[in-house]
C-alpha cells in the first residue's frame, strides 16, 4: 500500500490492525493457547520467558497511511492487541509492550532516525537500539543476572553506512519501483573487545526467538548490528 511522503506499508500489517479480535481468527488461529502453553513448558524447566510485542509500522506512523488516519500525532491504538496482552499477563505470561516508547520516539532528526524504514516493513537502527535497551533493562532485574554476568564483556560499537531497497519496495511491480530510491541508512555494528565483529554465542543463557525483526541488520546487511547484538 502506497502511503504518504514516500512511505510504503505491508497490507498484512494493516490487516492486523483492522481485523478485530486477534483471538477470534478463522481456522483456529488463536495465538493465546500456544503462547501460554509454551510459557508453562519453559517455567516447568526453570526458564524465564519474556513475550515481546513489536508494534507494526502503520500503528506507529498511522498518519502516513491515509488522510483519514488520526492526525497531529494522535496514536492509533489497536484495542485487541491490548486485550491480548492483558489476557496473557493474567495467564502468567510476562509481556513487554514496546508501543508506548515507540510512539514517543517515532521521529528522529531525519529519515535515518525514523523508527521504521520508509520502504521496508522493519525497524531502523534507532528502533533496534530502543528495543534492546527496554529488553535488556528487564533482563538485568532477574535474580540470576548478576551471577551470569559476573564478568561483563566490554563490547564497543562502530557506526556504518549502507543502502537498502526495502522489502515492500521489492513487492511493487517493476515499473513502480523507480518511484522509490534506495534508502541511505546508518547502523551500529557491535564489536568484541579485540575489535572483531560480534557473533551470537550458542552457549548463551539467553535465547532470542523471533521473526525477521530479529534478523534484520543482524543476518542481513550490514550484519552484526541487530537486536541480539545490541541486547548483548
Protein backbone atom coordinates (compact mmCIF):
# COMPACT_ATOMS: atom_id res chain seq x y z
CA UNK A 1 0.00 0.00 0.00
CA UNK A 2 1.42 3.37 -1.03
CA UNK A 3 1.28 5.82 1.84
CA UNK A 4 2.15 9.49 2.13
CA UNK A 5 5.57 11.18 1.95
CA UNK A 6 7.31 8.18 0.39
CA UNK A 7 6.08 5.61 2.92
CA UNK A 8 5.16 2.09 1.83
CA UNK A 9 3.11 -0.25 4.04
CA UNK A 10 2.64 -4.01 4.03
CA UNK A 11 -1.04 -4.89 3.75
CA UNK A 12 -0.67 -7.69 6.28
CA UNK A 13 0.31 -5.11 8.90
CA UNK A 14 -2.90 -3.20 8.21
CA UNK A 15 -4.95 -6.40 8.41
CA UNK A 16 -3.51 -6.97 11.90
CA UNK A 17 -4.83 -3.55 12.95
CA UNK A 18 -8.26 -3.72 11.33
CA UNK A 19 -9.39 -7.35 11.55
CA UNK A 20 -10.84 -7.25 15.04
CA UNK A 21 -10.19 -9.60 17.93
CA UNK A 22 -6.89 -11.46 17.44
CA UNK A 23 -8.31 -14.39 19.41
CA UNK A 24 -11.27 -14.81 17.04
CA UNK A 25 -9.35 -15.61 13.86
CA UNK A 26 -10.62 -18.26 11.48
CA UNK A 27 -9.19 -21.78 11.25
CA UNK A 28 -8.35 -21.98 14.97
CA UNK A 29 -5.54 -19.42 14.72
CA UNK A 30 -6.00 -18.01 18.21
CA UNK A 31 -2.38 -17.35 19.36
CA UNK A 32 -3.23 -17.32 23.08
CA UNK A 33 -3.22 -21.09 23.90
CA UNK A 34 0.12 -21.74 22.18
CA UNK A 35 1.86 -18.81 23.92
CA UNK A 36 0.53 -19.77 27.36
CA UNK A 37 1.42 -23.44 26.85
CA UNK A 38 4.94 -22.56 25.72
CA UNK A 39 5.41 -20.28 28.73
CA UNK A 40 4.28 -23.04 31.10
CA UNK A 41 6.61 -25.60 29.50
CA UNK A 42 9.56 -23.24 29.98
CA UNK A 43 8.54 -22.42 33.56
CA UNK A 44 8.47 -26.15 34.35
CA UNK A 45 12.12 -26.28 33.26
CA UNK A 46 13.05 -23.22 35.34
CA UNK A 47 13.35 -20.97 32.30
CA UNK A 48 12.07 -17.39 32.34
CA UNK A 49 10.04 -16.24 29.35
CA UNK A 50 9.52 -12.71 28.02
CA UNK A 51 6.98 -12.21 25.26
CA UNK A 52 7.81 -9.02 23.34
CA UNK A 53 5.13 -7.41 21.17
CA UNK A 54 6.69 -5.42 18.32
CA UNK A 55 4.36 -2.68 17.06
CA UNK A 56 3.55 -2.70 13.37
CA UNK A 57 4.71 0.17 11.20
CA UNK A 58 1.20 1.57 10.48
CA UNK A 59 0.50 1.65 14.23
CA UNK A 60 3.42 4.00 14.74
CA UNK A 61 3.04 6.05 11.54
CA UNK A 62 -0.73 5.91 11.04
CA UNK A 63 -0.84 9.48 9.68
CA UNK A 64 1.38 8.34 6.79
CA UNK A 65 -1.12 5.65 5.77
CA UNK A 66 -4.07 7.81 4.82
CA UNK A 67 -5.64 11.24 5.13
CA UNK A 68 -8.35 9.53 7.18
CA UNK A 69 -5.90 8.36 9.85
CA UNK A 70 -5.56 10.18 13.20
CA UNK A 71 -3.67 13.45 12.82
CA UNK A 72 -1.40 15.69 14.88
CA UNK A 73 0.49 12.79 16.42
CA UNK A 74 -2.61 11.14 17.89
CA UNK A 75 -1.62 7.47 18.08
CA UNK A 76 -3.67 4.64 16.63
CA UNK A 77 -4.08 2.15 19.45
CA UNK A 78 -5.18 -1.35 18.49
CA UNK A 79 -7.53 -2.34 21.35
CA UNK A 80 -7.32 -6.04 20.55
CA UNK A 81 -3.55 -6.09 20.93
CA UNK A 82 -4.01 -4.54 24.39
CA UNK A 83 -6.69 -7.13 25.17
CA UNK A 84 -4.36 -9.99 24.20
CA UNK A 85 -1.54 -8.56 26.34
CA UNK A 86 -3.85 -8.25 29.34
CA UNK A 87 -5.12 -11.81 28.95
CA UNK A 88 -1.58 -13.16 28.58
CA UNK A 89 -0.49 -11.28 31.72
CA UNK A 90 -3.45 -12.68 33.63
CA UNK A 91 -2.40 -16.17 32.49
CA UNK A 92 1.11 -15.66 33.92
CA UNK A 93 2.96 -14.66 30.73
CA UNK A 94 5.17 -11.60 31.14
CA UNK A 95 4.68 -9.24 28.20
CA UNK A 96 6.95 -6.38 27.17
CA UNK A 97 4.99 -3.79 25.22
CA UNK A 98 7.26 -1.57 23.12
CA UNK A 99 4.39 0.60 21.87
CA UNK A 100 4.44 3.42 24.49
CA UNK A 101 8.15 4.16 23.99
CA UNK A 102 7.87 3.75 20.23
CA UNK A 103 5.06 6.24 19.89
CA UNK A 104 7.05 8.77 21.93
CA UNK A 105 10.24 8.29 19.91
CA UNK A 106 8.98 7.60 16.40
CA UNK A 107 10.61 10.63 14.77
CA UNK A 108 14.28 11.48 14.96
CA UNK A 109 16.23 14.25 13.27
CA UNK A 110 15.80 12.91 9.75
CA UNK A 111 14.88 9.91 7.61
CA UNK A 112 17.72 7.85 9.07
CA UNK A 113 16.35 8.35 12.57
CA UNK A 114 12.78 7.21 11.96
CA UNK A 115 11.95 4.11 13.99
CA UNK A 116 10.92 2.23 10.82
CA UNK A 117 12.35 2.28 7.31
CA UNK A 118 10.17 4.13 4.81
CA UNK A 119 10.06 1.40 2.13
CA UNK A 120 10.54 -1.61 4.40
CA UNK A 121 8.45 -3.47 6.97
CA UNK A 122 11.15 -3.35 9.62
CA UNK A 123 12.62 -1.02 12.18
CA UNK A 124 15.76 1.06 11.81
CA UNK A 125 18.89 1.24 13.94
CA UNK A 126 17.03 3.54 16.34
CA UNK A 127 14.19 1.06 16.69
CA UNK A 128 16.65 -1.77 17.33
CA UNK A 129 18.59 0.15 19.96
CA UNK A 130 15.48 1.41 21.74
CA UNK A 131 14.02 -2.12 21.87
CA UNK A 132 17.31 -3.63 23.01
CA UNK A 133 17.54 -1.17 25.90
CA UNK A 134 13.97 -1.88 27.07
CA UNK A 135 14.50 -5.65 26.89
CA UNK A 136 17.97 -5.51 28.48
CA UNK A 137 16.69 -3.36 31.37
CA UNK A 138 14.20 -6.13 32.19
CA UNK A 139 16.82 -8.87 31.85
CA UNK A 140 19.04 -7.10 34.39
CA UNK A 141 16.30 -7.43 37.02
CA UNK A 142 16.29 -11.23 37.03
CA UNK A 143 17.85 -12.72 40.18
CA UNK A 144 20.26 -14.83 38.09
CA UNK A 145 21.60 -11.86 36.11
CA UNK A 146 24.46 -10.82 38.42
CA UNK A 147 25.69 -14.39 38.66
CA UNK A 148 25.61 -14.89 34.89
CA UNK A 149 27.25 -11.52 34.19
CA UNK A 150 29.97 -11.53 36.83
CA UNK A 151 32.48 -10.64 34.12
CA UNK A 152 30.70 -8.38 31.61
CA UNK A 153 32.22 -8.19 28.16
CA UNK A 154 33.17 -4.59 27.25
CA UNK A 155 31.60 -4.50 23.79
CA UNK A 156 32.06 -1.49 21.53
CA UNK A 157 30.06 -0.15 18.60
CA UNK A 158 31.08 1.09 15.17
CA UNK A 159 28.88 3.30 13.01
CA UNK A 160 28.44 2.05 9.46
CA UNK A 161 26.59 3.44 6.45
CA UNK A 162 24.73 1.25 3.96
CA UNK A 163 21.85 1.30 1.48
CA UNK A 164 18.72 -0.85 1.37
CA UNK A 165 15.95 -1.01 -1.22
CA UNK A 166 13.27 -2.18 1.22
CA UNK A 167 11.28 -5.40 1.25
CA UNK A 168 7.98 -3.64 0.48
CA UNK A 169 9.55 -1.80 -2.46
CA UNK A 170 10.58 -5.26 -3.69
CA UNK A 171 6.90 -6.29 -3.78
CA UNK A 172 5.97 -3.50 -6.19
CA UNK A 173 5.61 -4.04 -9.94
CA UNK A 174 8.91 -3.28 -11.67
CA UNK A 175 7.56 -0.15 -13.35
CA UNK A 176 6.66 1.35 -9.94
CA UNK A 177 9.92 0.59 -8.10
CA UNK A 178 11.67 3.55 -9.71
CA UNK A 179 9.45 5.90 -7.69
CA UNK A 180 11.29 4.82 -4.54
CA UNK A 181 15.04 5.32 -4.35
CA UNK A 182 17.25 3.09 -2.16
CA UNK A 183 17.40 4.28 1.44
CA UNK A 184 20.65 5.59 2.88
CA UNK A 185 20.83 4.15 6.38
CA UNK A 186 23.09 4.12 9.42
CA UNK A 187 23.67 1.17 11.73
CA UNK A 188 25.90 0.44 14.71
CA UNK A 189 27.78 -2.82 14.50
CA UNK A 190 28.74 -4.38 17.82
CA UNK A 191 32.41 -5.24 18.27
CA UNK A 192 34.20 -7.56 20.67
CA UNK A 193 36.99 -6.10 22.84
CA UNK A 194 39.53 -7.20 20.20
CA UNK A 195 37.59 -5.26 17.52
CA UNK A 196 36.27 -8.37 15.79
CA UNK A 197 32.58 -8.35 14.91
CA UNK A 198 30.10 -9.67 17.48
CA UNK A 199 28.52 -13.05 16.77
CA UNK A 200 25.72 -14.69 18.75
CA UNK A 201 27.03 -17.20 21.30
CA UNK A 202 25.29 -20.58 21.09
CA UNK A 203 26.14 -21.23 24.76
CA UNK A 204 24.45 -18.03 25.95
CA UNK A 205 21.90 -18.40 28.78
CA UNK A 206 19.59 -16.07 26.83
CA UNK A 207 17.81 -17.35 23.71
CA UNK A 208 16.04 -14.96 21.34
CA UNK A 209 13.29 -16.44 19.18
CA UNK A 210 11.61 -14.17 16.69
CA UNK A 211 10.70 -13.32 13.16
CA UNK A 212 12.52 -11.17 10.62
CA UNK A 213 12.69 -8.25 13.08
CA UNK A 214 15.38 -10.28 14.88
CA UNK A 215 17.26 -10.96 11.65
CA UNK A 216 17.25 -7.53 10.04
CA UNK A 217 20.61 -5.71 10.49
CA UNK A 218 21.92 -8.93 12.15
CA UNK A 219 21.73 -11.63 9.48
CA UNK A 220 21.26 -9.12 6.66
CA UNK A 221 23.31 -6.12 5.58
CA UNK A 222 25.15 -4.58 7.41
CA UNK A 223 25.15 -7.62 9.80
CA UNK A 224 26.30 -7.76 13.45
CA UNK A 225 24.06 -4.77 14.24
CA UNK A 226 20.71 -6.35 15.05
CA UNK A 227 18.59 -6.88 18.15
CA UNK A 228 20.62 -9.71 19.69
CA UNK A 229 23.89 -7.84 19.23
CA UNK A 230 22.57 -4.75 20.97
CA UNK A 231 20.97 -6.71 23.81
CA UNK A 232 24.39 -8.31 24.35
